[in-house]
PDB file of N, CA and C in Angstrom:
ATOM      1  N   MET A   1     120.496  86.532 139.471  1.00  0.00           N
ATOM      2  CA  MET A   1     119.844  87.358 138.487  1.00  0.00           C
ATOM      3  C   MET A   1     120.329  86.945 137.089  1.00  0.00           C
ATOM      4  N   PRO A   2     119.421  86.705 136.152  1.00  0.00           N
ATOM      5  CA  PRO A   2     119.819  86.334 134.787  1.00  0.00           C
ATOM      6  C   PRO A   2     120.584  87.480 134.102  1.00  0.00           C
ATOM      7  N   THR A   3     121.540  87.121 133.277  1.00  0.00           N
ATOM      8  CA  THR A   3     122.355  88.123 132.594  1.00  0.00           C
ATOM      9  C   THR A   3     122.383  87.886 131.097  1.00  0.00           C
ATOM     10  N   ILE A   4     122.766  88.936 130.355  1.00  0.00           N
ATOM     11  CA  ILE A   4     123.068  88.830 128.932  1.00  0.00           C
ATOM     12  C   ILE A   4     124.548  89.170 128.782  1.00  0.00           C
ATOM     13  N   PHE A   5     125.211  88.506 127.872  1.00  0.00           N
ATOM     14  CA  PHE A   5     126.644  88.693 127.717  1.00  0.00           C
ATOM     15  C   PHE A   5     126.952  89.691 126.611  1.00  0.00           C
ATOM     16  N   CYS A   6     127.791  90.677 126.949  1.00  0.00           N
ATOM     17  CA  CYS A   6     128.259  91.668 125.992  1.00  0.00           C
ATOM     18  C   CYS A   6     129.368  91.075 125.132  1.00  0.00           C
ATOM     19  N   ASP A   7     130.207  90.286 125.762  1.00  0.00           N
ATOM     20  CA  ASP A   7     131.291  89.565 125.100  1.00  0.00           C
ATOM     21  C   ASP A   7     131.642  88.366 125.976  1.00  0.00           C
ATOM     22  N   GLU A   8     132.806  87.796 125.782  1.00  0.00           N
ATOM     23  CA  GLU A   8     133.224  86.615 126.550  1.00  0.00           C
ATOM     24  C   GLU A   8     133.305  86.850 128.053  1.00  0.00           C
ATOM     25  N   TYR A   9     133.647  88.083 128.455  1.00  0.00           N
ATOM     26  CA  TYR A   9     133.975  88.352 129.841  1.00  0.00           C
ATOM     27  C   TYR A   9     133.013  89.289 130.572  1.00  0.00           C
ATOM     28  N   ASN A  10     132.195  90.032 129.846  1.00  0.00           N
ATOM     29  CA  ASN A  10     131.354  91.064 130.444  1.00  0.00           C
ATOM     30  C   ASN A  10     129.876  90.776 130.211  1.00  0.00           C
ATOM     31  N   SER A  11     129.065  91.148 131.195  1.00  0.00           N
ATOM     32  CA  SER A  11     127.632  90.916 131.083  1.00  0.00           C
ATOM     33  C   SER A  11     126.855  92.056 131.733  1.00  0.00           C
ATOM     34  N   CYS A  12     125.564  92.098 131.443  1.00  0.00           N
ATOM     35  CA  CYS A  12     124.636  93.061 132.017  1.00  0.00           C
ATOM     36  C   CYS A  12     123.414  92.284 132.497  1.00  0.00           C
ATOM     37  N   PRO A  13     122.619  92.873 133.389  1.00  0.00           N
ATOM     38  CA  PRO A  13     121.382  92.209 133.806  1.00  0.00           C
ATOM     39  C   PRO A  13     120.461  91.972 132.603  1.00  0.00           C
ATOM     40  N   MET A  14     119.705  90.902 132.621  1.00  0.00           N
ATOM     41  CA  MET A  14     118.820  90.544 131.526  1.00  0.00           C
ATOM     42  C   MET A  14     117.819  91.660 131.217  1.00  0.00           C
ATOM     43  N   SER A  15     117.466  92.447 132.203  1.00  0.00           N
ATOM     44  CA  SER A  15     116.474  93.508 132.019  1.00  0.00           C
ATOM     45  C   SER A  15     117.083  94.795 131.464  1.00  0.00           C
ATOM     46  N   SER A  16     118.316  94.740 130.981  1.00  0.00           N
ATOM     47  CA  SER A  16     118.994  95.938 130.490  1.00  0.00           C
ATOM     48  C   SER A  16     119.416  95.768 129.039  1.00  0.00           C
ATOM     49  N   THR A  17     120.030  96.808 128.509  1.00  0.00           N
ATOM     50  CA  THR A  17     120.614  96.802 127.170  1.00  0.00           C
ATOM     51  C   THR A  17     122.091  97.141 127.328  1.00  0.00           C
ATOM     52  N   TYR A  18     122.969  96.421 126.651  1.00  0.00           N
ATOM     53  CA  TYR A  18     124.389  96.750 126.756  1.00  0.00           C
ATOM     54  C   TYR A  18     124.830  97.552 125.544  1.00  0.00           C
ATOM     55  N   TYR A  19     125.879  98.331 125.728  1.00  0.00           N
ATOM     56  CA  TYR A  19     126.416  99.150 124.647  1.00  0.00           C
ATOM     57  C   TYR A  19     127.912  99.331 124.868  1.00  0.00           C
ATOM     58  N   CYS A  20     128.616  99.624 123.811  1.00  0.00           N
ATOM     59  CA  CYS A  20     130.060  99.812 123.888  1.00  0.00           C
ATOM     60  C   CYS A  20     130.369 101.252 124.273  1.00  0.00           C
ATOM     61  N   ILE A  21     131.157 101.418 125.328  1.00  0.00           N
ATOM     62  CA  ILE A  21     131.573 102.744 125.772  1.00  0.00           C
ATOM     63  C   ILE A  21     132.876 103.149 125.093  1.00  0.00           C
ATOM     64  N   TYR A  22     133.794 102.214 124.960  1.00  0.00           N
ATOM     65  CA  TYR A  22     135.088 102.520 124.363  1.00  0.00           C
ATOM     66  C   TYR A  22     135.416 101.481 123.295  1.00  0.00           C
ATOM     67  N   GLU A  23     135.503 101.945 122.057  1.00  0.00           N
ATOM     68  CA  GLU A  23     135.763 101.055 120.925  1.00  0.00           C
ATOM     69  C   GLU A  23     136.960 101.569 120.140  1.00  0.00           C
ATOM     70  N   GLU A  24     137.754 100.640 119.673  1.00  0.00           N
ATOM     71  CA  GLU A  24     138.898 100.978 118.847  1.00  0.00           C
ATOM     72  C   GLU A  24     139.081  99.885 117.805  1.00  0.00           C
ATOM     73  N   GLU A  25     139.131 100.266 116.535  1.00  0.00           N
ATOM     74  CA  GLU A  25     139.307  99.323 115.426  1.00  0.00           C
ATOM     75  C   GLU A  25     138.340  98.140 115.512  1.00  0.00           C
ATOM     76  N   ASP A  26     137.047  98.436 115.668  1.00  0.00           N
ATOM     77  CA  ASP A  26     135.983  97.424 115.723  1.00  0.00           C
ATOM     78  C   ASP A  26     136.066  96.482 116.920  1.00  0.00           C
ATOM     79  N   ASN A  27     136.845  96.822 117.934  1.00  0.00           N
ATOM     80  CA  ASN A  27     136.913  96.037 119.165  1.00  0.00           C
ATOM     81  C   ASN A  27     136.412  96.889 120.320  1.00  0.00           C
ATOM     82  N   CYS A  28     135.521  96.333 121.119  1.00  0.00           N
ATOM     83  CA  CYS A  28     135.019  97.054 122.280  1.00  0.00           C
ATOM     84  C   CYS A  28     135.863  96.685 123.496  1.00  0.00           C
ATOM     85  N   TYR A  29     136.359  97.714 124.196  1.00  0.00           N
ATOM     86  CA  TYR A  29     137.199  97.502 125.368  1.00  0.00           C
ATOM     87  C   TYR A  29     136.515  97.855 126.682  1.00  0.00           C
ATOM     88  N   GLN A  30     135.361  98.515 126.606  1.00  0.00           N
ATOM     89  CA  GLN A  30     134.604  98.834 127.826  1.00  0.00           C
ATOM     90  C   GLN A  30     133.113  98.850 127.483  1.00  0.00           C
ATOM     91  N   TRP A  31     132.325  98.181 128.314  1.00  0.00           N
ATOM     92  CA  TRP A  31     130.880  98.067 128.106  1.00  0.00           C
ATOM     93  C   TRP A  31     130.122  98.816 129.175  1.00  0.00           C
ATOM     94  N   GLY A  32     128.916  99.258 128.827  1.00  0.00           N
ATOM     95  CA  GLY A  32     128.000  99.874 129.770  1.00  0.00           C
ATOM     96  C   GLY A  32     126.648  99.193 129.667  1.00  0.00           C
ATOM     97  N   CYS A  33     125.825  99.334 130.684  1.00  0.00           N
ATOM     98  CA  CYS A  33     124.490  98.743 130.723  1.00  0.00           C
ATOM     99  C   CYS A  33     123.458  99.833 130.938  1.00  0.00           C
ATOM    100  N   CYS A  34     122.474  99.931 130.067  1.00  0.00           N
ATOM    101  CA  CYS A  34     121.343 100.826 130.289  1.00  0.00           C
ATOM    102  C   CYS A  34     120.315 100.047 131.089  1.00  0.00           C
ATOM    103  N   PRO A  35     119.693 100.683 132.075  1.00  0.00           N
ATOM    104  CA  PRO A  35     118.809  99.946 132.971  1.00  0.00           C
ATOM    105  C   PRO A  35     117.447  99.569 132.393  1.00  0.00           C
ATOM    106  N   SER A  36     117.267  99.671 131.095  1.00  0.00           N
ATOM    107  CA  SER A  36     116.003  99.295 130.449  1.00  0.00           C
ATOM    108  C   SER A  36     116.306  98.493 129.190  1.00  0.00           C
ATOM    109  N   GLN A  37     115.364  97.661 128.790  1.00  0.00           N
ATOM    110  CA  GLN A  37     115.524  96.929 127.539  1.00  0.00           C
ATOM    111  C   GLN A  37     115.149  97.830 126.371  1.00  0.00           C
ATOM    112  N   SER A  38     115.631  97.496 125.201  1.00  0.00           N
ATOM    113  CA  SER A  38     115.318  98.211 123.951  1.00  0.00           C
ATOM    114  C   SER A  38     115.678  99.682 124.022  1.00  0.00           C
ATOM    115  N   THR A  39     116.852  99.990 124.552  1.00  0.00           N
ATOM    116  CA  THR A  39     117.334 101.368 124.580  1.00  0.00           C
ATOM    117  C   THR A  39     118.573 101.495 123.710  1.00  0.00           C
ATOM    118  N   THR A  40     118.947 102.730 123.422  1.00  0.00           N
ATOM    119  CA  THR A  40     120.125 103.031 122.625  1.00  0.00           C
ATOM    120  C   THR A  40     120.994 103.992 123.411  1.00  0.00           C
ATOM    121  N   CYS A  41     122.280 103.838 123.316  1.00  0.00           N
ATOM    122  CA  CYS A  41     123.197 104.711 124.043  1.00  0.00           C
ATOM    123  C   CYS A  41     123.309 106.059 123.354  1.00  0.00           C
ATOM    124  N   CYS A  42     123.323 107.129 124.155  1.00  0.00           N
ATOM    125  CA  CYS A  42     123.525 108.477 123.637  1.00  0.00           C
ATOM    126  C   CYS A  42     125.012 108.708 123.372  1.00  0.00           C
ATOM    127  N   GLU A  43     125.310 109.791 122.677  1.00  0.00           N
ATOM    128  CA  GLU A  43     126.688 110.096 122.312  1.00  0.00           C
ATOM    129  C   GLU A  43     127.590 110.350 123.517  1.00  0.00           C
ATOM    130  N   ASP A  44     127.019 110.714 124.664  1.00  0.00           N
ATOM    131  CA  ASP A  44     127.850 111.002 125.829  1.00  0.00           C
ATOM    132  C   ASP A  44     128.302 109.742 126.567  1.00  0.00           C
ATOM    133  N   ASP A  45     127.845 108.564 126.135  1.00  0.00           N
ATOM    134  CA  ASP A  45     128.196 107.273 126.729  1.00  0.00           C
ATOM    135  C   ASP A  45     127.785 107.154 128.196  1.00  0.00           C
ATOM    136  N   ARG A  46     126.842 107.961 128.662  1.00  0.00           N
ATOM    137  CA  ARG A  46     126.348 107.880 130.029  1.00  0.00           C
ATOM    138  C   ARG A  46     124.829 107.730 130.089  1.00  0.00           C
ATOM    139  N   THR A  47     124.163 108.120 129.024  1.00  0.00           N
ATOM    140  CA  THR A  47     122.705 108.117 129.019  1.00  0.00           C
ATOM    141  C   THR A  47     122.175 107.296 127.855  1.00  0.00           C
ATOM    142  N   CYS A  48     120.926 106.892 127.972  1.00  0.00           N
ATOM    143  CA  CYS A  48     120.286 106.061 126.959  1.00  0.00           C
ATOM    144  C   CYS A  48     118.900 106.608 126.655  1.00  0.00           C
ATOM    145  N   TRP A  49     118.371 106.248 125.485  1.00  0.00           N
ATOM    146  CA  TRP A  49     116.997 106.608 125.167  1.00  0.00           C
ATOM    147  C   TRP A  49     116.261 105.406 124.620  1.00  0.00           C
ATOM    148  N   PRO A  50     114.938 105.347 124.821  1.00  0.00           N
ATOM    149  CA  PRO A  50     114.145 104.236 124.296  1.00  0.00           C
ATOM    150  C   PRO A  50     114.114 104.272 122.771  1.00  0.00           C
ATOM    151  N   TYR A  51     114.009 103.109 122.154  1.00  0.00           N
ATOM    152  CA  TYR A  51     114.045 103.025 120.700  1.00  0.00           C
ATOM    153  C   TYR A  51     112.931 103.815 120.034  1.00  0.00           C
ATOM    154  N   ASP A  52     111.776 103.995 120.697  1.00  0.00           N
ATOM    155  CA  ASP A  52     110.663 104.711 120.075  1.00  0.00           C
ATOM    156  C   ASP A  52     110.728 106.224 120.323  1.00  0.00           C
ATOM    157  N   TYR A  53     111.784 106.698 120.991  1.00  0.00           N
ATOM    158  CA  TYR A  53     112.079 108.122 121.137  1.00  0.00           C
ATOM    159  C   TYR A  53     113.503 108.348 120.654  1.00  0.00           C
ATOM    160  N   PRO A  54     113.723 108.296 119.346  1.00  0.00           N
ATOM    161  CA  PRO A  54     115.081 108.214 118.804  1.00  0.00           C
ATOM    162  C   PRO A  54     115.882 109.511 118.781  1.00  0.00           C
ATOM    163  N   ILE A  55     115.278 110.635 119.128  1.00  0.00           N
ATOM    164  CA  ILE A  55     115.982 111.909 119.067  1.00  0.00           C
ATOM    165  C   ILE A  55     116.397 112.299 120.477  1.00  0.00           C
ATOM    166  N   GLY A  56     117.646 112.069 120.824  1.00  0.00           N
ATOM    167  CA  GLY A  56     118.135 112.356 122.167  1.00  0.00           C
ATOM    168  C   GLY A  56     118.767 113.733 122.235  1.00  0.00           C
ATOM    169  N   ASN A  57     118.389 114.526 123.214  1.00  0.00           N
ATOM    170  CA  ASN A  57     118.983 115.831 123.453  1.00  0.00           C
ATOM    171  C   ASN A  57     119.648 115.784 124.825  1.00  0.00           C
ATOM    172  N   VAL A  58     120.919 115.439 124.843  1.00  0.00           N
ATOM    173  CA  VAL A  58     121.658 115.239 126.091  1.00  0.00           C
ATOM    174  C   VAL A  58     121.776 116.544 126.874  1.00  0.00           C
ATOM    175  N   ASP A  59     121.940 117.667 126.192  1.00  0.00           N
ATOM    176  CA  ASP A  59     122.093 118.952 126.876  1.00  0.00           C
ATOM    177  C   ASP A  59     120.867 119.307 127.707  1.00  0.00           C
ATOM    178  N   VAL A  60     119.687 118.999 127.208  1.00  0.00           N
ATOM    179  CA  VAL A  60     118.444 119.323 127.897  1.00  0.00           C
ATOM    180  C   VAL A  60     117.985 118.159 128.773  1.00  0.00           C
ATOM    181  N   GLY A  61     118.437 116.950 128.461  1.00  0.00           N
ATOM    182  CA  GLY A  61     118.084 115.773 129.251  1.00  0.00           C
ATOM    183  C   GLY A  61     116.776 115.129 128.858  1.00  0.00           C
ATOM    184  N   ILE A  62     116.404 115.251 127.577  1.00  0.00           N
ATOM    185  CA  ILE A  62     115.161 114.629 127.111  1.00  0.00           C
ATOM    186  C   ILE A  62     115.396 113.849 125.824  1.00  0.00           C
ATOM    187  N   CYS A  63     114.470 112.961 125.540  1.00  0.00           N
ATOM    188  CA  CYS A  63     114.406 112.245 124.266  1.00  0.00           C
ATOM    189  C   CYS A  63     113.085 112.627 123.620  1.00  0.00           C
ATOM    190  N   GLN A  64     113.083 112.748 122.313  1.00  0.00           N
ATOM    191  CA  GLN A  64     111.865 113.152 121.623  1.00  0.00           C
ATOM    192  C   GLN A  64     111.494 112.140 120.556  1.00  0.00           C
ATOM    193  N   ASN A  65     110.206 112.076 120.300  1.00  0.00           N
ATOM    194  CA  ASN A  65     109.674 111.238 119.249  1.00  0.00           C
ATOM    195  C   ASN A  65     109.315 112.167 118.100  1.00  0.00           C
ATOM    196  N   GLY A  66     109.907 111.962 116.944  1.00  0.00           N
ATOM    197  CA  GLY A  66     109.708 112.853 115.812  1.00  0.00           C
ATOM    198  C   GLY A  66     108.295 112.881 115.269  1.00  0.00           C
ATOM    199  N   ARG A  67     107.475 111.870 115.540  1.00  0.00           N
ATOM    200  CA  ARG A  67     106.114 111.809 115.006  1.00  0.00           C
ATOM    201  C   ARG A  67     105.140 112.683 115.784  1.00  0.00           C
ATOM    202  N   ARG A  68     105.452 112.972 117.002  1.00  0.00           N
ATOM    203  CA  ARG A  68     104.583 113.821 117.810  1.00  0.00           C
ATOM    204  C   ARG A  68     105.450 114.646 118.748  1.00  0.00           C
ATOM    205  N   LEU A  69     104.866 115.640 119.342  1.00  0.00           N
ATOM    206  CA  LEU A  69     105.628 116.565 120.171  1.00  0.00           C
ATOM    207  C   LEU A  69     105.713 116.112 121.614  1.00  0.00           C
ATOM    208  N   SER A  70     106.005 114.869 121.823  1.00  0.00           N
ATOM    209  CA  SER A  70     106.148 114.380 123.193  1.00  0.00           C
ATOM    210  C   SER A  70     107.613 114.094 123.476  1.00  0.00           C
ATOM    211  N   SER A  71     107.952 114.147 124.738  1.00  0.00           N
ATOM    212  CA  SER A  71     109.327 113.862 125.132  1.00  0.00           C
ATOM    213  C   SER A  71     109.320 113.160 126.483  1.00  0.00           C
ATOM    214  N   ILE A  72     110.434 112.496 126.776  1.00  0.00           N
ATOM    215  CA  ILE A  72     110.609 111.823 128.059  1.00  0.00           C
ATOM    216  C   ILE A  72     112.016 112.114 128.558  1.00  0.00           C
ATOM    217  N   SER A  73     112.248 111.901 129.827  1.00  0.00           N
ATOM    218  CA  SER A  73     113.582 112.103 130.390  1.00  0.00           C
ATOM    219  C   SER A  73     114.519 111.011 129.931  1.00  0.00           C
ATOM    220  N   LEU A  74     115.787 111.337 129.791  1.00  0.00           N
ATOM    221  CA  LEU A  74     116.795 110.346 129.440  1.00  0.00           C
ATOM    222  C   LEU A  74     116.932 109.327 130.549  1.00  0.00           C
ATOM    223  N   VAL A  75     117.305 108.115 130.186  1.00  0.00           N
ATOM    224  CA  VAL A  75     117.575 107.050 131.140  1.00  0.00           C
ATOM    225  C   VAL A  75     119.077 107.021 131.363  1.00  0.00           C
ATOM    226  N   TYR A  76     119.500 107.111 132.597  1.00  0.00           N
ATOM    227  CA  TYR A  76     120.939 107.127 132.864  1.00  0.00           C
ATOM    228  C   TYR A  76     121.474 105.715 132.971  1.00  0.00           C
ATOM    229  N   GLY A  77     122.556 105.442 132.253  1.00  0.00           N
ATOM    230  CA  GLY A  77     123.147 104.114 132.195  1.00  0.00           C
ATOM    231  C   GLY A  77     123.897 103.753 133.460  1.00  0.00           C
ATOM    232  N   MET A  78     124.223 102.484 133.536  1.00  0.00           N
ATOM    233  CA  MET A  78     125.018 101.974 134.645  1.00  0.00           C
ATOM    234  C   MET A  78     126.362 101.569 134.073  1.00  0.00           C
ATOM    235  N   ASN A  79     127.396 102.288 134.366  1.00  0.00           N
ATOM    236  CA  ASN A  79     128.707 101.952 133.814  1.00  0.00           C
ATOM    237  C   ASN A  79     129.566 101.285 134.848  1.00  0.00           C
TER     238      ASN A  79
END
């Protein structure tokens, strides 16, 4: 399976998006993979939302698009 590299030692599947779970002084020490491309990690470091639904509500489990009143379920990351 093709991969994308988060850094020298860590990678995620090509069909995913990687994000830093644990960062200290601009260095990432733990990476996570969201199971979809073009996603962004939520503040809880476990869930992701698509770039076109930028308002994530982790408590309710939805992402919202500010331009219209639509929402979708959060995508759970693979850590």
